């Protein structure tokens, strides 16, 4: 076997060199549980919430040139026969749902 990386540090260094996307944000959240402590009060646990700004994520995806040729912004009808009678649904934009959304209010 000839592994791509000699050790874990080489793998981590390579990962750290990858392009970064939208930054992660962190916020602690205190959650009251349904179990009671010795004093009869609800026990509390502090959790970590890690998230990304969804608007920034969408902005990054739409602006990424890697996806330019595969993004669709309108429904398409795809057929596997030349007469256009045998429809194909293989992506969201080829399904009836997207066509229905175009005419809904």
N, C-alpha and C. Protein backbone atom coordinates (compact mmCIF):
# COMPACT_ATOMS: atom_id res chain seq x y z
N UNK A 1 0.83 -1.17 0.00
CA UNK A 1 0.00 0.00 0.00
C UNK A 1 0.88 1.24 0.00
N UNK A 2 0.50 2.24 -0.78
CA UNK A 2 1.26 3.49 -0.86
C UNK A 2 0.32 4.65 -0.53
N UNK A 3 0.18 4.99 0.77
CA UNK A 3 -0.77 6.06 1.13
C UNK A 3 -0.34 7.42 0.58
N UNK A 4 -1.32 8.28 0.36
CA UNK A 4 -1.06 9.62 -0.19
C UNK A 4 -0.34 10.52 0.80
N UNK A 5 -0.50 10.25 2.08
CA UNK A 5 0.10 11.10 3.11
C UNK A 5 0.92 10.23 4.05
N UNK A 6 2.09 10.72 4.41
CA UNK A 6 2.98 9.96 5.27
C UNK A 6 2.50 9.88 6.70
N UNK A 7 1.76 10.90 7.15
CA UNK A 7 1.23 10.90 8.51
C UNK A 7 0.04 11.84 8.59
N UNK A 8 -0.60 11.88 9.76
CA UNK A 8 -1.80 12.69 9.92
C UNK A 8 -1.51 14.18 9.79
N UNK A 9 -0.32 14.61 10.22
CA UNK A 9 0.02 16.03 10.14
C UNK A 9 0.10 16.50 8.69
N UNK A 10 0.62 15.66 7.81
CA UNK A 10 0.68 16.02 6.38
C UNK A 10 -0.73 16.14 5.81
N UNK A 11 -1.63 15.25 6.23
CA UNK A 11 -3.02 15.32 5.78
C UNK A 11 -3.68 16.61 6.26
N UNK A 12 -3.50 16.93 7.54
CA UNK A 12 -4.11 18.14 8.10
C UNK A 12 -3.56 19.39 7.43
N UNK A 13 -2.26 19.44 7.15
CA UNK A 13 -1.68 20.60 6.46
C UNK A 13 -2.29 20.77 5.08
N UNK A 14 -2.50 19.67 4.38
CA UNK A 14 -3.11 19.73 3.04
C UNK A 14 -4.55 20.23 3.14
N UNK A 15 -5.28 19.75 4.11
CA UNK A 15 -6.66 20.20 4.31
C UNK A 15 -6.69 21.69 4.61
N UNK A 16 -5.77 22.15 5.46
CA UNK A 16 -5.73 23.57 5.82
C UNK A 16 -5.41 24.47 4.64
N UNK A 17 -4.80 23.94 3.59
CA UNK A 17 -4.48 24.73 2.40
C UNK A 17 -5.65 24.85 1.43
N UNK A 18 -6.71 24.09 1.65
CA UNK A 18 -7.88 24.16 0.77
C UNK A 18 -8.53 25.53 0.87
N UNK A 19 -9.18 25.98 -0.20
CA UNK A 19 -9.88 27.28 -0.14
C UNK A 19 -10.96 27.25 0.93
N UNK A 20 -11.13 28.36 1.57
CA UNK A 20 -12.13 28.48 2.64
C UNK A 20 -13.41 29.06 2.06
N UNK A 21 -14.52 28.64 2.65
CA UNK A 21 -15.81 29.17 2.26
C UNK A 21 -16.27 30.21 3.25
N UNK A 22 -17.56 30.26 3.44
CA UNK A 22 -18.16 31.19 4.39
C UNK A 22 -17.70 30.80 5.80
N UNK A 23 -17.36 31.81 6.59
CA UNK A 23 -16.82 31.53 7.93
C UNK A 23 -17.89 30.93 8.84
N UNK A 24 -17.42 30.11 9.76
CA UNK A 24 -18.29 29.53 10.77
C UNK A 24 -18.43 30.50 11.92
N UNK A 25 -19.59 30.54 12.52
CA UNK A 25 -19.83 31.33 13.72
C UNK A 25 -20.22 30.37 14.84
N UNK A 26 -19.96 30.81 16.06
CA UNK A 26 -20.22 29.97 17.23
C UNK A 26 -21.02 30.76 18.24
N UNK A 27 -21.96 30.08 18.86
CA UNK A 27 -22.72 30.70 19.93
C UNK A 27 -23.09 29.63 20.95
N UNK A 28 -22.76 29.88 22.22
CA UNK A 28 -23.19 28.91 23.24
C UNK A 28 -24.68 29.07 23.51
N UNK A 29 -25.33 27.96 23.78
CA UNK A 29 -26.76 27.95 24.08
C UNK A 29 -26.97 27.19 25.38
N UNK A 30 -27.68 27.80 26.30
CA UNK A 30 -28.03 27.13 27.55
C UNK A 30 -29.39 26.47 27.39
N UNK A 31 -29.44 25.19 27.68
CA UNK A 31 -30.67 24.43 27.50
C UNK A 31 -31.11 23.86 28.84
N UNK A 32 -32.33 24.18 29.23
CA UNK A 32 -32.91 23.58 30.44
C UNK A 32 -33.46 22.21 30.09
N UNK A 33 -33.04 21.23 30.85
CA UNK A 33 -33.47 19.86 30.59
C UNK A 33 -34.73 19.50 31.33
N UNK A 34 -35.13 18.25 31.16
CA UNK A 34 -36.33 17.77 31.86
C UNK A 34 -35.96 16.95 33.09
N UNK A 35 -34.66 16.80 33.36
CA UNK A 35 -34.21 16.11 34.57
C UNK A 35 -33.95 17.13 35.67
N UNK A 36 -34.21 16.74 36.90
CA UNK A 36 -34.04 17.64 38.04
C UNK A 36 -32.75 17.31 38.78
N UNK A 37 -32.12 18.38 39.32
CA UNK A 37 -30.91 18.17 40.12
C UNK A 37 -31.30 17.81 41.55
N UNK A 38 -30.32 17.74 42.44
CA UNK A 38 -30.57 17.35 43.84
C UNK A 38 -31.46 18.35 44.57
N UNK A 39 -31.55 19.59 44.07
CA UNK A 39 -32.39 20.61 44.70
C UNK A 39 -33.77 20.71 44.06
N UNK A 40 -34.05 19.82 43.12
CA UNK A 40 -35.36 19.83 42.47
C UNK A 40 -35.50 20.82 41.34
N UNK A 41 -34.37 21.44 40.93
CA UNK A 41 -34.41 22.41 39.83
C UNK A 41 -34.01 21.71 38.52
N UNK A 42 -34.57 22.18 37.40
CA UNK A 42 -34.19 21.57 36.12
C UNK A 42 -32.69 21.72 35.88
N UNK A 43 -32.07 20.63 35.44
CA UNK A 43 -30.64 20.66 35.12
C UNK A 43 -30.43 21.44 33.83
N UNK A 44 -29.30 22.12 33.74
CA UNK A 44 -28.99 22.94 32.57
C UNK A 44 -27.73 22.40 31.90
N UNK A 45 -27.74 22.45 30.58
CA UNK A 45 -26.57 22.03 29.82
C UNK A 45 -26.21 23.14 28.83
N UNK A 46 -24.93 23.42 28.71
CA UNK A 46 -24.50 24.40 27.72
C UNK A 46 -24.07 23.66 26.46
N UNK A 47 -24.71 24.01 25.36
CA UNK A 47 -24.43 23.39 24.06
C UNK A 47 -23.69 24.37 23.17
N UNK A 48 -23.02 23.85 22.16
CA UNK A 48 -22.35 24.69 21.17
C UNK A 48 -23.17 24.71 19.89
N UNK A 49 -23.50 25.88 19.41
CA UNK A 49 -24.19 26.02 18.13
C UNK A 49 -23.18 26.58 17.14
N UNK A 50 -22.82 25.81 16.14
CA UNK A 50 -21.93 26.25 15.07
C UNK A 50 -22.79 26.42 13.83
N UNK A 51 -22.67 27.55 13.15
CA UNK A 51 -23.53 27.83 12.00
C UNK A 51 -22.81 28.75 11.03
N UNK A 52 -23.37 28.80 9.83
CA UNK A 52 -22.92 29.72 8.80
C UNK A 52 -24.10 30.58 8.39
N UNK A 53 -23.83 31.80 7.97
CA UNK A 53 -24.88 32.70 7.51
C UNK A 53 -25.45 32.12 6.20
N UNK A 54 -26.72 31.70 6.20
CA UNK A 54 -27.26 31.06 4.99
C UNK A 54 -27.27 31.96 3.77
N UNK A 55 -27.45 33.27 3.94
CA UNK A 55 -27.43 34.19 2.80
C UNK A 55 -26.03 34.21 2.19
N UNK A 56 -25.00 34.22 3.02
CA UNK A 56 -23.62 34.20 2.52
C UNK A 56 -23.31 32.87 1.83
N UNK A 57 -23.84 31.76 2.35
CA UNK A 57 -23.63 30.46 1.72
C UNK A 57 -24.24 30.44 0.32
N UNK A 58 -25.48 30.93 0.19
CA UNK A 58 -26.13 30.97 -1.12
C UNK A 58 -25.37 31.90 -2.07
N UNK A 59 -24.93 33.04 -1.55
CA UNK A 59 -24.16 33.98 -2.37
C UNK A 59 -22.88 33.32 -2.89
N UNK A 60 -22.21 32.56 -2.03
CA UNK A 60 -20.99 31.87 -2.45
C UNK A 60 -21.28 30.81 -3.52
N UNK A 61 -22.35 30.04 -3.30
CA UNK A 61 -22.69 29.00 -4.28
C UNK A 61 -23.05 29.60 -5.63
N UNK A 62 -23.87 30.65 -5.64
CA UNK A 62 -24.28 31.25 -6.90
C UNK A 62 -23.12 31.93 -7.62
N UNK A 63 -22.16 32.42 -6.86
CA UNK A 63 -21.03 33.11 -7.47
C UNK A 63 -19.85 32.23 -7.79
N UNK A 64 -19.92 30.95 -7.44
CA UNK A 64 -18.80 30.05 -7.68
C UNK A 64 -18.77 29.61 -9.14
N UNK A 65 -17.69 29.91 -9.87
CA UNK A 65 -17.63 29.55 -11.29
C UNK A 65 -17.64 28.05 -11.55
N UNK A 66 -17.32 27.26 -10.56
CA UNK A 66 -17.34 25.80 -10.73
C UNK A 66 -18.74 25.32 -11.06
N UNK A 67 -19.76 25.99 -10.51
CA UNK A 67 -21.15 25.57 -10.70
C UNK A 67 -21.84 26.28 -11.86
N UNK A 68 -21.16 27.16 -12.55
CA UNK A 68 -21.78 28.01 -13.56
C UNK A 68 -22.52 27.20 -14.63
N UNK A 69 -21.94 26.10 -15.09
CA UNK A 69 -22.56 25.34 -16.18
C UNK A 69 -23.63 24.35 -15.71
N UNK A 70 -23.74 24.16 -14.40
CA UNK A 70 -24.70 23.16 -13.91
C UNK A 70 -25.86 23.76 -13.12
N UNK A 71 -25.83 25.06 -12.88
CA UNK A 71 -26.92 25.71 -12.14
C UNK A 71 -28.09 25.96 -13.09
N UNK A 72 -29.28 25.79 -12.58
CA UNK A 72 -30.48 26.06 -13.37
C UNK A 72 -31.34 27.03 -12.58
N UNK A 73 -31.91 28.00 -13.28
CA UNK A 73 -32.73 29.02 -12.64
C UNK A 73 -34.17 28.99 -13.14
N UNK A 74 -34.47 28.06 -14.01
CA UNK A 74 -35.82 27.93 -14.55
C UNK A 74 -36.07 26.44 -14.83
N UNK A 75 -37.33 26.04 -14.82
CA UNK A 75 -37.62 24.63 -15.11
C UNK A 75 -37.33 24.28 -16.56
N UNK A 76 -37.04 23.03 -16.78
CA UNK A 76 -36.80 22.53 -18.14
C UNK A 76 -37.57 21.24 -18.33
N UNK A 77 -38.07 21.05 -19.52
CA UNK A 77 -38.71 19.78 -19.85
C UNK A 77 -37.69 18.96 -20.62
N UNK A 78 -37.48 17.73 -20.13
CA UNK A 78 -36.51 16.82 -20.74
C UNK A 78 -37.26 15.57 -21.18
N UNK A 79 -36.98 15.13 -22.38
CA UNK A 79 -37.64 13.95 -22.93
C UNK A 79 -36.59 12.97 -23.42
N UNK A 80 -36.92 11.68 -23.35
CA UNK A 80 -35.99 10.67 -23.85
C UNK A 80 -36.39 10.15 -25.23
N UNK A 81 -37.42 10.76 -25.83
CA UNK A 81 -37.79 10.39 -27.19
C UNK A 81 -37.92 11.66 -28.03
N UNK A 82 -37.79 11.53 -29.32
CA UNK A 82 -37.81 12.69 -30.21
C UNK A 82 -39.20 13.31 -30.35
N UNK A 83 -40.25 12.56 -30.01
CA UNK A 83 -41.61 13.08 -30.12
C UNK A 83 -41.98 13.95 -28.91
N UNK A 84 -41.21 13.88 -27.87
CA UNK A 84 -41.51 14.66 -26.68
C UNK A 84 -42.68 14.12 -25.88
N UNK A 85 -42.85 12.81 -25.87
CA UNK A 85 -43.94 12.21 -25.11
C UNK A 85 -43.47 11.47 -23.86
N UNK A 86 -42.21 11.05 -23.83
CA UNK A 86 -41.67 10.28 -22.71
C UNK A 86 -40.74 11.17 -21.89
N UNK A 87 -41.33 11.79 -20.86
CA UNK A 87 -40.58 12.75 -20.06
C UNK A 87 -39.59 12.10 -19.10
N UNK A 88 -38.55 12.84 -18.78
CA UNK A 88 -37.52 12.40 -17.84
C UNK A 88 -37.53 13.36 -16.66
N UNK A 89 -37.55 12.80 -15.46
CA UNK A 89 -37.40 13.60 -14.24
C UNK A 89 -36.15 13.07 -13.54
N UNK A 90 -35.06 13.81 -13.67
CA UNK A 90 -33.82 13.37 -13.04
C UNK A 90 -33.16 14.46 -12.20
N UNK A 91 -33.71 15.63 -12.23
CA UNK A 91 -33.23 16.75 -11.42
C UNK A 91 -34.45 17.55 -10.97
N UNK A 92 -34.27 18.39 -9.96
CA UNK A 92 -35.40 19.16 -9.44
C UNK A 92 -36.03 20.04 -10.52
N UNK A 93 -35.21 20.62 -11.39
CA UNK A 93 -35.74 21.54 -12.39
C UNK A 93 -36.45 20.83 -13.54
N UNK A 94 -36.41 19.48 -13.57
CA UNK A 94 -37.15 18.75 -14.60
C UNK A 94 -38.47 18.20 -14.07
N UNK A 95 -38.75 18.42 -12.80
CA UNK A 95 -39.97 17.88 -12.18
C UNK A 95 -41.14 18.86 -12.34
N UNK A 96 -42.33 18.33 -12.22
CA UNK A 96 -43.54 19.15 -12.35
C UNK A 96 -43.63 20.20 -11.26
N UNK A 97 -43.08 19.92 -10.08
CA UNK A 97 -43.16 20.85 -8.96
C UNK A 97 -42.61 22.22 -9.33
N UNK A 98 -41.46 22.25 -10.01
CA UNK A 98 -40.84 23.54 -10.34
C UNK A 98 -41.72 24.32 -11.32
N UNK A 99 -42.34 23.60 -12.27
CA UNK A 99 -43.26 24.27 -13.21
C UNK A 99 -44.45 24.84 -12.44
N UNK A 100 -44.96 24.09 -11.48
CA UNK A 100 -46.10 24.57 -10.70
C UNK A 100 -45.73 25.79 -9.87
N UNK A 101 -44.53 25.85 -9.36
CA UNK A 101 -44.07 26.99 -8.57
C UNK A 101 -43.96 28.27 -9.42
N UNK A 102 -43.71 28.12 -10.71
CA UNK A 102 -43.58 29.26 -11.59
C UNK A 102 -44.90 30.02 -11.76
N UNK A 103 -46.02 29.29 -11.60
CA UNK A 103 -47.33 29.92 -11.80
C UNK A 103 -48.07 30.18 -10.50
N UNK A 104 -47.49 29.74 -9.36
CA UNK A 104 -48.18 29.94 -8.08
C UNK A 104 -47.96 31.36 -7.58
N UNK A 105 -48.84 31.80 -6.71
CA UNK A 105 -48.74 33.16 -6.18
C UNK A 105 -48.00 33.18 -4.88
